[in-house]
Amino acid sequence: MAIPASPCQASGLPRLLPIISADQRLAEPRGIKGTIFGKSGIGKTSLLWTLDPATTLFIDLEAGDLAIEGWSGDSVRPRTWAECRDFAVFIGGPNPALRDDQVYSEAHFAAVCERFGDPDSL
């Protein structure tokens, strides 16, 4: 008795599982993205003094930069939830599983890149 063909074989589509080799994965550019949470006064903003200003972007969500007055790094001050989501997709990249009409989708990412430029330039 013959074994029936799988749907992929029956459709005539080539078998091209997009496997990423260890060498390819390790060669990809990487960066650390982090967020610090804690109660007021614990020193979250002061931790900025320990980071390299040339490679750190301070996202000032609550006008909390008094503790780092004189720090030479760059910052942004989102004022709305929509701006926070735009920064998140710009820095973190799109979620390819989402529809184009959803926040964090490829379309959202493309629209944000159109406004902000290439995220790789950060």
N, C-alpha and C. Protein backbone atom coordinates (compact mmCIF):
# COMPACT_ATOMS: atom_id res chain seq x y z
N MET A 1 0.84 -1.18 0.00
CA MET A 1 0.00 0.00 0.00
C MET A 1 0.88 1.24 0.00
N ALA A 2 0.60 2.16 -0.88
CA ALA A 2 1.41 3.37 -1.02
C ALA A 2 1.06 4.37 0.08
N ILE A 3 2.07 5.06 0.54
CA ILE A 3 1.87 6.11 1.54
C ILE A 3 1.45 7.37 0.79
N PRO A 4 0.33 7.99 1.22
CA PRO A 4 -0.12 9.20 0.53
C PRO A 4 0.90 10.33 0.68
N ALA A 5 0.99 11.16 -0.35
CA ALA A 5 1.90 12.30 -0.31
C ALA A 5 1.41 13.33 0.70
N SER A 6 2.37 14.01 1.34
CA SER A 6 1.99 15.07 2.28
C SER A 6 1.42 16.23 1.47
N PRO A 7 0.65 17.13 2.12
CA PRO A 7 0.11 18.28 1.39
C PRO A 7 1.19 19.12 0.71
N CYS A 8 2.37 19.25 1.34
CA CYS A 8 3.46 20.03 0.72
C CYS A 8 3.96 19.33 -0.54
N GLN A 9 4.14 18.02 -0.46
CA GLN A 9 4.62 17.28 -1.62
C GLN A 9 3.57 17.31 -2.73
N ALA A 10 2.31 17.17 -2.36
CA ALA A 10 1.24 17.15 -3.34
C ALA A 10 1.12 18.49 -4.06
N SER A 11 1.45 19.59 -3.35
CA SER A 11 1.32 20.91 -3.97
C SER A 11 2.48 21.22 -4.91
N GLY A 12 3.53 20.43 -4.84
CA GLY A 12 4.69 20.67 -5.68
C GLY A 12 5.61 21.76 -5.15
N LEU A 13 5.34 22.25 -3.93
CA LEU A 13 6.19 23.28 -3.34
C LEU A 13 7.53 22.69 -2.91
N PRO A 14 8.61 23.43 -3.07
CA PRO A 14 9.90 22.92 -2.60
C PRO A 14 9.94 22.92 -1.08
N ARG A 15 10.73 22.03 -0.55
CA ARG A 15 10.90 21.96 0.90
C ARG A 15 12.04 22.88 1.30
N LEU A 16 11.71 24.04 1.80
CA LEU A 16 12.72 25.01 2.20
C LEU A 16 12.42 25.53 3.60
N LEU A 17 12.64 24.71 4.59
CA LEU A 17 12.46 25.13 5.97
C LEU A 17 13.53 26.16 6.29
N PRO A 18 13.15 27.36 6.73
CA PRO A 18 14.13 28.43 6.92
C PRO A 18 14.94 28.26 8.21
N ILE A 19 15.82 27.27 8.22
CA ILE A 19 16.66 27.01 9.39
C ILE A 19 17.81 28.00 9.40
N ILE A 20 18.05 28.58 10.56
CA ILE A 20 19.17 29.50 10.76
C ILE A 20 20.28 28.72 11.44
N SER A 21 21.42 28.65 10.79
CA SER A 21 22.54 27.90 11.37
C SER A 21 23.10 28.67 12.57
N ALA A 22 23.84 27.96 13.41
CA ALA A 22 24.47 28.61 14.57
C ALA A 22 25.40 29.72 14.11
N ASP A 23 26.16 29.48 13.04
CA ASP A 23 27.08 30.50 12.54
C ASP A 23 26.33 31.75 12.08
N GLN A 24 25.21 31.56 11.39
CA GLN A 24 24.41 32.71 10.94
C GLN A 24 23.85 33.47 12.14
N ARG A 25 23.32 32.73 13.11
CA ARG A 25 22.74 33.35 14.30
C ARG A 25 23.78 34.14 15.08
N LEU A 26 24.97 33.55 15.24
CA LEU A 26 26.03 34.22 16.00
C LEU A 26 26.62 35.42 15.26
N ALA A 27 26.48 35.45 13.93
CA ALA A 27 27.01 36.56 13.14
C ALA A 27 26.06 37.76 13.08
N GLU A 28 24.81 37.58 13.53
CA GLU A 28 23.84 38.67 13.49
C GLU A 28 24.23 39.77 14.47
N PRO A 29 24.00 41.03 14.07
CA PRO A 29 24.29 42.12 15.01
C PRO A 29 23.34 42.04 16.20
N ARG A 30 23.86 42.28 17.35
CA ARG A 30 23.07 42.18 18.58
C ARG A 30 23.21 43.46 19.39
N GLY A 31 22.25 43.70 20.20
CA GLY A 31 22.31 44.83 21.12
C GLY A 31 21.47 44.51 22.34
N ILE A 32 21.80 45.13 23.42
CA ILE A 32 21.06 44.91 24.66
C ILE A 32 19.98 45.97 24.77
N LYS A 33 18.78 45.53 25.04
CA LYS A 33 17.67 46.44 25.29
C LYS A 33 17.17 46.10 26.68
N GLY A 34 17.10 47.07 27.55
CA GLY A 34 16.69 46.77 28.92
C GLY A 34 15.79 47.85 29.47
N THR A 35 15.06 47.48 30.48
CA THR A 35 14.19 48.39 31.20
C THR A 35 14.40 48.15 32.68
N ILE A 36 14.40 49.21 33.45
CA ILE A 36 14.60 49.10 34.89
C ILE A 36 13.33 49.57 35.58
N PHE A 37 12.80 48.74 36.46
CA PHE A 37 11.59 49.07 37.21
C PHE A 37 11.91 49.04 38.70
N GLY A 38 11.22 49.84 39.48
CA GLY A 38 11.39 49.82 40.92
C GLY A 38 10.62 50.97 41.55
N LYS A 39 10.52 50.93 42.86
CA LYS A 39 9.77 51.97 43.56
C LYS A 39 10.52 53.30 43.51
N SER A 40 9.81 54.36 43.75
CA SER A 40 10.36 55.71 43.70
C SER A 40 11.52 55.86 44.68
N GLY A 41 12.59 56.51 44.22
CA GLY A 41 13.72 56.81 45.09
C GLY A 41 14.75 55.71 45.24
N ILE A 42 14.56 54.59 44.57
CA ILE A 42 15.47 53.46 44.73
C ILE A 42 16.77 53.62 43.94
N GLY A 43 16.79 54.53 42.95
CA GLY A 43 18.01 54.81 42.19
C GLY A 43 18.00 54.34 40.76
N LYS A 44 16.81 54.14 40.19
CA LYS A 44 16.72 53.66 38.80
C LYS A 44 17.40 54.65 37.84
N THR A 45 17.05 55.91 37.94
CA THR A 45 17.61 56.91 37.05
C THR A 45 19.11 57.08 37.28
N SER A 46 19.55 56.98 38.52
CA SER A 46 20.97 57.13 38.84
C SER A 46 21.82 56.04 38.21
N LEU A 47 21.23 54.90 37.88
CA LEU A 47 21.98 53.84 37.20
C LEU A 47 22.51 54.30 35.85
N LEU A 48 21.88 55.32 35.29
CA LEU A 48 22.32 55.84 34.00
C LEU A 48 23.77 56.30 34.03
N TRP A 49 24.22 56.78 35.18
CA TRP A 49 25.61 57.24 35.31
C TRP A 49 26.60 56.11 35.07
N THR A 50 26.18 54.87 35.21
CA THR A 50 27.08 53.72 35.03
C THR A 50 27.14 53.25 33.58
N LEU A 51 26.31 53.82 32.70
CA LEU A 51 26.24 53.38 31.31
C LEU A 51 26.99 54.34 30.39
N ASP A 52 27.46 53.83 29.27
CA ASP A 52 28.18 54.63 28.29
C ASP A 52 27.20 55.56 27.57
N PRO A 53 27.33 56.88 27.74
CA PRO A 53 26.41 57.81 27.09
C PRO A 53 26.39 57.71 25.57
N ALA A 54 27.48 57.26 24.97
CA ALA A 54 27.55 57.16 23.51
C ALA A 54 26.68 56.04 22.97
N THR A 55 26.35 55.06 23.80
CA THR A 55 25.56 53.91 23.32
C THR A 55 24.27 53.72 24.10
N THR A 56 23.86 54.73 24.87
CA THR A 56 22.67 54.62 25.70
C THR A 56 21.67 55.71 25.33
N LEU A 57 20.42 55.34 25.20
CA LEU A 57 19.34 56.29 24.97
C LEU A 57 18.43 56.27 26.19
N PHE A 58 18.27 57.41 26.85
CA PHE A 58 17.41 57.53 28.02
C PHE A 58 16.01 57.90 27.56
N ILE A 59 15.04 57.03 27.84
CA ILE A 59 13.65 57.32 27.51
C ILE A 59 13.00 57.86 28.78
N ASP A 60 12.83 59.16 28.82
CA ASP A 60 12.33 59.86 30.00
C ASP A 60 10.81 59.86 29.98
N LEU A 61 10.23 58.91 30.70
CA LEU A 61 8.77 58.74 30.68
C LEU A 61 8.04 59.64 31.66
N GLU A 62 8.73 60.14 32.67
CA GLU A 62 8.00 60.90 33.68
C GLU A 62 8.78 62.13 34.15
N ALA A 63 9.47 62.79 33.23
CA ALA A 63 10.28 63.96 33.57
C ALA A 63 11.17 63.65 34.76
N GLY A 64 11.82 62.50 34.69
CA GLY A 64 12.64 62.03 35.81
C GLY A 64 14.12 62.17 35.57
N ASP A 65 14.54 63.26 34.94
CA ASP A 65 15.96 63.39 34.63
C ASP A 65 16.73 64.32 35.57
N LEU A 66 16.11 64.77 36.65
CA LEU A 66 16.79 65.65 37.60
C LEU A 66 18.03 64.96 38.18
N ALA A 67 17.93 63.68 38.47
CA ALA A 67 19.04 62.93 39.07
C ALA A 67 20.22 62.76 38.12
N ILE A 68 20.02 63.00 36.85
CA ILE A 68 21.11 62.81 35.89
C ILE A 68 21.44 64.11 35.16
N GLU A 69 21.12 65.23 35.78
CA GLU A 69 21.48 66.52 35.19
C GLU A 69 22.99 66.54 34.98
N GLY A 70 23.41 66.85 33.78
CA GLY A 70 24.83 66.83 33.46
C GLY A 70 25.29 65.56 32.77
N TRP A 71 24.43 64.52 32.74
CA TRP A 71 24.77 63.29 32.01
C TRP A 71 24.77 63.63 30.53
N SER A 72 25.77 63.17 29.79
CA SER A 72 25.96 63.63 28.41
C SER A 72 25.27 62.79 27.35
N GLY A 73 24.44 61.84 27.74
CA GLY A 73 23.76 60.98 26.77
C GLY A 73 22.52 61.62 26.18
N ASP A 74 22.02 60.99 25.13
CA ASP A 74 20.81 61.45 24.45
C ASP A 74 19.56 60.93 25.16
N SER A 75 18.45 61.64 24.97
CA SER A 75 17.19 61.20 25.57
C SER A 75 16.03 61.54 24.65
N VAL A 76 14.91 60.88 24.88
CA VAL A 76 13.65 61.19 24.22
C VAL A 76 12.59 61.28 25.31
N ARG A 77 11.54 62.08 25.05
CA ARG A 77 10.47 62.26 26.03
C ARG A 77 9.12 61.99 25.37
N PRO A 78 8.72 60.75 25.29
CA PRO A 78 7.39 60.47 24.74
C PRO A 78 6.32 61.06 25.66
N ARG A 79 5.29 61.62 25.06
CA ARG A 79 4.22 62.26 25.84
C ARG A 79 2.91 61.50 25.80
N THR A 80 2.77 60.57 24.86
CA THR A 80 1.52 59.82 24.74
C THR A 80 1.82 58.33 24.69
N TRP A 81 0.79 57.53 24.93
CA TRP A 81 0.95 56.09 24.84
C TRP A 81 1.32 55.68 23.41
N ALA A 82 0.74 56.36 22.43
CA ALA A 82 1.06 56.06 21.03
C ALA A 82 2.54 56.30 20.75
N GLU A 83 3.11 57.37 21.30
CA GLU A 83 4.54 57.63 21.12
C GLU A 83 5.38 56.54 21.79
N CYS A 84 4.96 56.07 22.97
CA CYS A 84 5.67 54.98 23.65
C CYS A 84 5.66 53.72 22.78
N ARG A 85 4.52 53.41 22.18
CA ARG A 85 4.44 52.23 21.31
C ARG A 85 5.31 52.41 20.07
N ASP A 86 5.36 53.64 19.54
CA ASP A 86 6.21 53.90 18.38
C ASP A 86 7.68 53.68 18.73
N PHE A 87 8.13 54.16 19.88
CA PHE A 87 9.52 53.94 20.29
C PHE A 87 9.78 52.45 20.51
N ALA A 88 8.81 51.74 21.08
CA ALA A 88 8.99 50.31 21.33
C ALA A 88 9.18 49.53 20.03
N VAL A 89 8.36 49.79 19.03
CA VAL A 89 8.50 49.06 17.76
C VAL A 89 9.75 49.51 17.02
N PHE A 90 10.12 50.77 17.16
CA PHE A 90 11.33 51.28 16.51
C PHE A 90 12.58 50.60 17.07
N ILE A 91 12.64 50.47 18.39
CA ILE A 91 13.81 49.88 19.04
C ILE A 91 13.78 48.36 18.99
N GLY A 92 12.61 47.77 19.23
CA GLY A 92 12.51 46.31 19.31
C GLY A 92 12.24 45.61 18.00
N GLY A 93 11.76 46.35 17.01
CA GLY A 93 11.44 45.74 15.72
C GLY A 93 10.01 45.24 15.67
N PRO A 94 9.54 44.87 14.48
CA PRO A 94 8.15 44.46 14.30
C PRO A 94 7.92 43.01 14.71
N ASN A 95 6.65 42.70 14.94
CA ASN A 95 6.23 41.32 15.18
C ASN A 95 5.62 40.82 13.87
N PRO A 96 6.30 39.92 13.17
CA PRO A 96 5.81 39.48 11.86
C PRO A 96 4.51 38.68 11.93
N ALA A 97 4.09 38.29 13.13
CA ALA A 97 2.86 37.51 13.26
C ALA A 97 1.61 38.39 13.27
N LEU A 98 1.79 39.71 13.33
CA LEU A 98 0.63 40.60 13.43
C LEU A 98 0.16 41.08 12.06
N ARG A 99 -1.15 41.40 11.99
CA ARG A 99 -1.72 41.98 10.78
C ARG A 99 -1.22 43.41 10.63
N ASP A 100 -1.27 43.93 9.41
CA ASP A 100 -0.78 45.28 9.13
C ASP A 100 -1.55 46.37 9.87
N ASP A 101 -2.78 46.09 10.28
CA ASP A 101 -3.56 47.11 10.98
C ASP A 101 -3.33 47.09 12.49
N GLN A 102 -2.39 46.27 12.97
CA GLN A 102 -2.14 46.16 14.40
C GLN A 102 -0.85 46.89 14.79
N VAL A 103 -0.86 47.39 16.04
CA VAL A 103 0.33 48.01 16.61
C VAL A 103 1.43 46.95 16.70
N TYR A 104 2.67 47.34 16.44
CA TYR A 104 3.88 46.50 16.46
C TYR A 104 4.00 45.62 15.22
N SER A 105 3.12 45.79 14.24
CA SER A 105 3.18 45.01 13.00
C SER A 105 4.28 45.54 12.09
N GLU A 106 4.51 44.82 10.98
CA GLU A 106 5.47 45.27 9.97
C GLU A 106 5.07 46.65 9.43
N ALA A 107 3.77 46.88 9.23
CA ALA A 107 3.30 48.17 8.71
C ALA A 107 3.53 49.29 9.72
N HIS A 108 3.28 49.01 11.00
CA HIS A 108 3.53 50.00 12.05
C HIS A 108 5.02 50.35 12.08
N PHE A 109 5.86 49.32 12.04
CA PHE A 109 7.31 49.52 12.04
C PHE A 109 7.75 50.37 10.84
N ALA A 110 7.22 50.06 9.66
CA ALA A 110 7.59 50.80 8.45
C ALA A 110 7.16 52.27 8.57
N ALA A 111 5.97 52.51 9.11
CA ALA A 111 5.49 53.89 9.27
C ALA A 111 6.36 54.66 10.25
N VAL A 112 6.77 54.00 11.34
CA VAL A 112 7.62 54.65 12.33
C VAL A 112 9.01 54.93 11.74
N CYS A 113 9.54 53.98 10.99
CA CYS A 113 10.85 54.18 10.34
C CYS A 113 10.79 55.32 9.33
N GLU A 114 9.65 55.48 8.69
CA GLU A 114 9.48 56.58 7.74
C GLU A 114 9.62 57.93 8.47
N ARG A 115 9.11 57.98 9.71
CA ARG A 115 9.19 59.22 10.51
C ARG A 115 10.54 59.40 11.20
N PHE A 116 11.07 58.31 11.80
CA PHE A 116 12.27 58.41 12.64
C PHE A 116 13.56 58.10 11.91
N GLY A 117 13.49 57.40 10.78
CA GLY A 117 14.70 57.00 10.07
C GLY A 117 15.05 55.54 10.32
N ASP A 118 16.26 55.17 10.01
CA ASP A 118 16.73 53.79 10.13
C ASP A 118 17.12 53.49 11.58
N PRO A 119 16.49 52.49 12.23
CA PRO A 119 16.85 52.19 13.62
C PRO A 119 18.29 51.73 13.78
N ASP A 120 18.89 51.20 12.72
CA ASP A 120 20.29 50.78 12.80
C ASP A 120 21.24 51.96 12.96
N SER A 121 20.74 53.17 12.71
CA SER A 121 21.60 54.35 12.85
C SER A 121 21.74 54.79 14.30
N LEU A 122 20.97 54.17 15.19
CA LEU A 122 21.07 54.56 16.61
C LEU A 122 22.39 54.19 17.19
